[in-house]
Protein backbone atom coordinates (compact mmCIF):
# COMPACT_ATOMS: atom_id res chain seq x y z
CA MET A 1 -5.76 26.80 25.29
CA ASN A 2 -2.75 27.72 23.52
CA TYR A 3 -1.65 25.39 20.16
CA ARG A 4 1.29 27.62 19.14
CA PRO A 5 3.55 26.16 21.46
CA VAL A 6 3.12 22.28 20.68
CA LEU A 7 2.69 23.27 16.80
CA ASN A 8 6.05 25.29 17.03
CA ASN A 9 7.95 21.98 18.27
CA ILE A 10 6.99 20.12 14.97
CA PRO A 11 9.61 20.59 12.69
CA PRO A 12 8.40 22.21 9.19
CA VAL A 13 8.74 18.94 6.87
CA VAL A 14 7.18 17.33 9.18
CA LYS A 15 4.54 19.62 10.18
CA ASN A 16 3.96 20.25 6.48
CA LEU A 17 3.45 16.82 5.42
CA ILE A 18 0.41 16.49 7.91
CA ILE A 19 -0.89 19.62 7.34
CA ILE A 20 -1.07 18.43 3.88
CA ASN A 21 -2.29 14.81 3.68
CA VAL A 22 -5.21 16.33 6.27
CA LEU A 23 -6.24 18.89 3.40
CA PHE A 24 -6.22 16.11 1.06
CA MET A 25 -8.33 14.18 2.94
CA LEU A 26 -11.10 17.05 4.03
CA ALA A 27 -10.79 17.84 0.11
CA THR A 28 -12.01 13.87 -0.29
CA TRP A 29 -14.88 14.13 2.03
CA GLY A 30 -15.51 17.63 0.76
CA LEU A 31 -16.07 16.66 -2.87
CA GLU A 32 -17.92 13.23 -1.87
CA SER A 33 -20.94 15.30 -1.81
CA MET A 34 -20.34 16.35 -5.81
CA ASN A 35 -20.10 13.22 -7.04
CA ILE A 36 -16.09 13.94 -7.32
CA ASP A 37 -14.35 10.75 -6.14
CA LEU A 38 -10.91 12.25 -5.30
CA VAL A 39 -9.46 8.57 -4.25
CA GLU A 40 -10.06 7.24 -7.99
CA ILE A 41 -8.23 10.19 -9.72
CA MET A 42 -5.49 11.06 -7.47
CA GLY A 43 -4.87 7.33 -6.19
CA MET A 44 -1.96 4.74 -7.85
CA HIS A 45 -3.59 2.72 -10.46
CA TYR A 46 -2.32 -0.26 -12.29
CA PRO A 47 -0.30 1.07 -14.80
CA GLY A 48 -2.37 -1.25 -17.32
CA SER A 49 -5.09 0.10 -16.13
CA ASP A 50 -7.32 3.20 -17.80
CA LYS A 51 -7.51 4.78 -15.06
CA PHE A 52 -3.45 5.55 -14.34
CA LYS A 53 -1.91 8.68 -14.68
CA LEU A 54 1.28 9.61 -14.14
CA TYR A 55 0.77 11.49 -11.63
CA GLN A 56 -0.62 9.05 -8.94
CA ILE A 57 2.60 7.77 -8.90
CA PHE A 58 3.50 10.97 -6.75
CA THR A 59 -0.27 12.16 -5.45
CA HIS A 60 -1.63 8.45 -4.17
CA MET A 61 1.20 9.07 -0.63
CA PHE A 62 -1.33 12.32 -0.17
CA MET A 63 -4.31 10.24 -0.26
CA HIS A 64 -5.99 7.85 2.69
CA GLY A 65 -8.81 5.38 2.38
CA GLY A 66 -10.33 6.76 6.07
CA LEU A 67 -10.10 8.09 9.31
CA THR A 68 -8.18 5.64 10.86
CA HIS A 69 -6.23 4.95 8.16
CA ILE A 70 -5.03 8.68 8.64
CA PHE A 71 -4.49 9.04 12.01
CA PHE A 72 -2.06 5.96 12.47
CA ASN A 73 0.28 7.51 9.62
CA MET A 74 0.23 10.53 10.69
CA PHE A 75 0.83 9.50 14.29
CA ALA A 76 3.84 7.75 13.13
CA LEU A 77 4.86 10.35 10.92
CA TYR A 78 5.02 13.30 14.15
CA MET A 79 6.18 10.68 16.46
CA PHE A 80 9.11 8.97 14.57
CA GLY A 81 9.52 11.67 12.02
CA ARG A 82 10.05 14.57 14.15
CA VAL A 83 12.99 12.85 16.10
CA LEU A 84 14.24 12.33 12.13
CA GLU A 85 14.06 15.46 10.88
CA ASN A 86 15.70 17.16 14.04
CA VAL A 87 18.43 15.07 13.32
CA TRP A 88 19.03 14.91 9.50
CA GLY A 89 17.62 18.27 8.70
CA PRO A 90 14.51 19.16 6.28
CA LYS A 91 16.34 18.78 3.27
CA ARG A 92 17.28 14.73 3.90
CA PHE A 93 14.55 13.90 5.63
CA LEU A 94 12.12 15.31 2.79
CA THR A 95 14.35 13.24 0.48
CA TYR A 96 13.90 10.41 2.38
CA TYR A 97 10.13 10.31 2.74
CA ILE A 98 9.83 10.91 -1.22
CA ILE A 99 12.35 8.11 -2.01
CA THR A 100 10.80 5.36 0.72
CA GLY A 101 7.38 6.79 -0.70
CA LEU A 102 8.49 5.99 -3.82
CA GLY A 103 10.11 2.89 -3.60
CA ALA A 104 6.94 1.41 -1.73
CA ILE A 105 4.73 1.99 -4.32
CA ALA A 106 7.75 1.11 -7.26
CA LEU A 107 7.50 -2.88 -5.15
CA HIS A 108 3.40 -2.51 -4.79
CA THR A 109 3.51 -2.47 -8.65
CA PHE A 110 6.05 -4.65 -9.52
CA VAL A 111 4.33 -7.22 -7.32
CA ASN A 112 0.95 -6.31 -8.82
CA PHE A 113 2.82 -6.94 -12.06
CA LEU A 114 3.12 -10.79 -11.34
CA GLU A 115 -0.06 -11.20 -10.02
CA ILE A 116 -1.53 -9.66 -12.83
CA ASN A 117 0.40 -11.66 -15.43
CA SER A 118 -0.22 -14.72 -13.63
CA MET A 119 -4.07 -13.99 -14.23
CA GLN A 120 -3.39 -12.88 -17.77
CA ASN A 121 -1.76 -16.12 -18.74
CA THR A 122 -4.72 -18.39 -16.94
CA ILE A 123 -7.10 -16.54 -19.20
CA GLU A 124 -5.12 -17.20 -21.98
CA ALA A 125 -5.14 -20.78 -21.44
CA TYR A 126 -8.65 -20.96 -20.41
CA ARG A 127 -9.65 -19.08 -23.86
CA ASN A 128 -7.78 -21.75 -25.52
CA THR A 129 -9.39 -24.82 -23.80
CA PRO A 130 -12.48 -24.05 -21.41
CA ALA A 131 -13.34 -25.74 -18.41
CA PRO A 132 -15.06 -24.83 -15.55
CA GLU A 133 -12.29 -26.55 -12.85
CA ILE A 134 -9.28 -23.62 -14.17
CA LEU A 135 -12.56 -21.20 -13.67
CA ASP A 136 -13.26 -22.12 -10.57
CA GLN A 137 -9.86 -21.99 -9.47
CA PHE A 138 -9.05 -18.31 -10.77
CA VAL A 139 -12.66 -17.16 -9.16
CA ASN A 140 -11.82 -18.77 -5.76
CA LYS A 141 -7.74 -17.15 -6.18
CA ASN A 142 -8.60 -13.73 -7.49
CA LEU A 143 -12.22 -13.01 -5.73
CA PRO A 144 -12.43 -14.54 -2.55
CA ASN A 145 -15.44 -12.68 -1.81
CA ALA A 146 -17.12 -13.71 -4.39
CA THR A 147 -21.34 -13.73 -4.53
CA ASN A 148 -23.48 -16.66 -4.31
CA GLN A 149 -24.96 -16.24 -8.19
CA VAL A 150 -20.80 -16.46 -9.17
CA HIS A 151 -20.56 -20.10 -7.50
CA ASP A 152 -23.98 -20.92 -8.78
CA PHE A 153 -23.23 -20.10 -12.24
CA ILE A 154 -19.73 -22.62 -11.75
CA ASN A 155 -21.53 -25.05 -10.55
CA SER A 156 -24.21 -24.88 -13.04
CA TRP A 157 -21.51 -25.60 -15.51
CA TYR A 158 -19.64 -28.40 -13.82
CA ASN A 159 -23.51 -30.28 -14.14
CA ASP A 160 -23.29 -29.11 -18.35
CA PRO A 161 -19.84 -29.19 -19.23
CA THR A 162 -20.67 -29.51 -22.50
CA ASN A 163 -22.48 -26.12 -23.18
CA LYS A 164 -20.44 -23.52 -24.60
CA ALA A 165 -22.57 -20.60 -23.86
CA PHE A 166 -21.09 -21.07 -20.06
CA ALA A 167 -17.48 -21.14 -21.56
CA GLY A 168 -18.23 -17.83 -23.07
CA GLU A 169 -19.90 -15.93 -19.56
CA GLY A 170 -17.02 -18.20 -17.77
CA LEU A 171 -14.35 -15.66 -20.14
CA ASN A 172 -16.01 -12.50 -19.42
CA LEU A 173 -16.09 -13.41 -16.07
CA MET A 174 -12.61 -13.58 -15.90
CA GLN A 175 -11.99 -10.37 -17.92
CA ARG A 176 -13.92 -8.88 -15.41
CA ILE A 177 -12.15 -10.13 -12.67
CA LEU A 178 -9.09 -9.08 -14.37
CA ASP A 179 -10.21 -5.12 -15.41
CA LEU A 180 -11.15 -5.05 -11.12
CA LYS A 181 -7.86 -6.15 -10.06
CA MET A 182 -5.98 -3.56 -12.08
CA ASP A 183 -8.58 -0.34 -11.44
CA ILE A 184 -8.06 -1.12 -7.88
CA PRO A 185 -5.98 2.46 -6.29
CA THR A 186 -3.53 2.39 -4.25
CA VAL A 187 -3.21 4.94 -1.17
CA GLY A 188 -1.86 6.71 1.41
CA ALA A 189 1.46 7.43 3.52
CA SER A 190 1.70 4.02 4.72
CA GLY A 191 5.35 3.40 2.44
CA ALA A 192 7.04 6.39 3.47
CA VAL A 193 5.77 5.80 7.08
CA PHE A 194 7.44 2.52 7.49
CA GLY A 195 10.53 3.95 5.81
CA ILE A 196 10.59 6.34 8.96
CA LEU A 197 10.15 3.40 11.45
CA LEU A 198 13.07 1.53 9.77
CA ALA A 199 14.99 4.44 10.04
CA PHE A 200 14.27 5.17 13.56
CA GLY A 201 15.20 1.47 14.26
CA MET A 202 18.38 1.82 12.75
CA LEU A 203 19.70 5.23 14.21
CA PHE A 204 18.29 4.42 17.85
CA PRO A 205 18.36 0.88 18.05
CA ASN A 206 18.12 0.63 21.68
CA THR A 207 15.73 3.30 22.32
CA GLN A 208 12.40 1.34 23.98
CA LEU A 209 8.96 1.36 22.59
CA MET A 210 5.79 1.39 24.42
CA LEU A 211 3.32 -0.95 22.96
CA LEU A 212 -0.18 -0.47 22.96
CA PHE A 213 -1.27 -4.36 22.19
CA PRO A 214 0.12 -6.11 24.66
CA PRO A 215 1.58 -2.80 26.48
CA ILE A 216 4.59 -4.03 26.82
CA PRO A 217 8.05 -1.88 25.99
CA ILE A 218 10.56 -3.01 23.34
CA LYS A 219 13.69 -1.48 21.76
CA ALA A 220 13.23 0.26 18.41
CA LYS A 221 15.43 -2.54 16.72
CA TYR A 222 12.99 -5.45 17.87
CA PHE A 223 10.09 -3.66 16.96
CA VAL A 224 11.14 -2.69 13.33
CA MET A 225 11.86 -6.23 12.84
CA GLY A 226 9.34 -7.36 14.26
CA TYR A 227 6.87 -5.45 12.28
CA GLY A 228 8.56 -6.31 9.30
CA ALA A 229 8.94 -10.10 9.29
CA ILE A 230 4.61 -9.60 9.99
CA GLU A 231 4.62 -7.30 7.12
CA LEU A 232 6.40 -10.03 4.73
CA TYR A 233 4.18 -12.78 6.67
CA LEU A 234 1.24 -10.76 5.49
CA GLY A 235 2.29 -10.36 1.79
CA PHE A 236 2.53 -13.77 1.02
CA SER A 237 -0.25 -15.37 3.55
CA HIS A 238 -2.56 -12.76 2.12
CA PRO A 239 -2.02 -11.75 -1.42
CA GLY A 240 -5.57 -10.41 -1.97
CA SER A 241 -5.67 -8.36 1.08
CA ASN A 242 -7.06 -4.47 0.69
CA ILE A 243 -3.63 -3.72 3.02
CA ALA A 244 -0.71 -3.55 0.43
CA HIS A 245 2.07 -4.88 2.29
CA PHE A 246 4.45 -5.10 -0.34
CA ALA A 247 4.42 -1.23 -0.05
CA HIS A 248 5.09 -1.29 3.37
CA LEU A 249 8.19 -3.50 2.95
CA GLY A 250 9.19 -1.41 -0.35
CA GLY A 251 9.29 1.87 2.04
CA MET A 252 11.26 -0.04 4.62
CA LEU A 253 13.65 -1.94 1.77
CA PHE A 254 14.23 1.35 0.31
CA GLY A 255 14.97 3.31 3.08
CA PHE A 256 17.31 0.39 4.46
CA ILE A 257 19.43 0.94 0.79
CA LEU A 258 19.19 4.73 1.32
CA ILE A 259 20.84 4.80 4.65
CA LYS A 260 23.24 2.42 3.84
CA TYR A 261 24.17 4.79 0.96
CA TRP A 262 23.98 7.43 3.16
CA GLN A 263 26.33 5.82 5.53
CA LYS A 264 29.10 4.98 2.94
CA ASN A 265 29.42 7.72 1.51
CA SER A 266 29.77 9.99 4.85
CA ASN A 267 31.60 10.05 7.79
CA LYS A 268 29.00 9.78 10.46
CA PHE A 269 25.40 7.92 10.53
CA TYR A 270 23.52 10.93 9.54
C-alpha cells in the first residue's frame, strides 16, 4: 500500500506538527525505560514551582499524557488544520497555531495563579488561627481524592481540638497539597487545537459536521459554540479536574482575538 499520496495531501505545517508531536510521544515512551520523565521536564509547571523552566512555555505544546490524548489532538489537527493552512498559507497558520497555544497556557496559568493564591491565603489564615474546620475545608476543596488516612487524621483532631501537635501536622499537610498543585505539569496541543476549531467555525460556519456521539449532523458554528459552552461550564464546575478546561478556552479566546485583528487589518477574512 502506498501512503505517499495521502501524506502529500497534508500541507507542510500540519504534517510537520503531527510528526513532531508523535516523535515527542515516542521519546516519552522510550525514555521511561531509562527512568527519565520527559513530561516532568517538558511539561508546563506553575512559575512558582521549583520544576518550572522558561522553555516549558513552548515545549508543553508538543507533549501528551497518553495515546488517546495525542490521537484526538492530532486527528483534529489533521481534519481542521489542513483546511485552514490551505486557506491561510503555512506562515499565517503556524503563527495562529503558536499564538493560540501560548494564549491557552497564559489563561491556564492565570487561573492557576488565582487558585494557588487562594490556597496560600487560606494557609496563612490557618497559620494564625489553626482549626480542624479550616483544614477540613481546604482538603475537601483541593484534595478531593484524599486518602482515608488524611480523613482519619482530621477526625482525630476534631475529637481532640486542643492538641497542638495536630495543628503542626495540619500545616504540613496543607503545604504538601499546595506544593502538589504547583508541581502538576500541563501538557498537550489542546489549546492550539481548540483555537483551530474556533477558526474553522468562523471561516466555515455553515459547514456540516457529523458528530460521533450522538451521530447527528451539526453546523460548525453551533459545534464550536457548544464546545466552548461545555468547556466554560466544566472549567468552573470542576476546578480540580485533570483536564485544563481554561487552557482550551484560552486557545479559543486568543484565536478569536487574532482572527478579529486580522479581519480588521485586511480587506478579506484571511
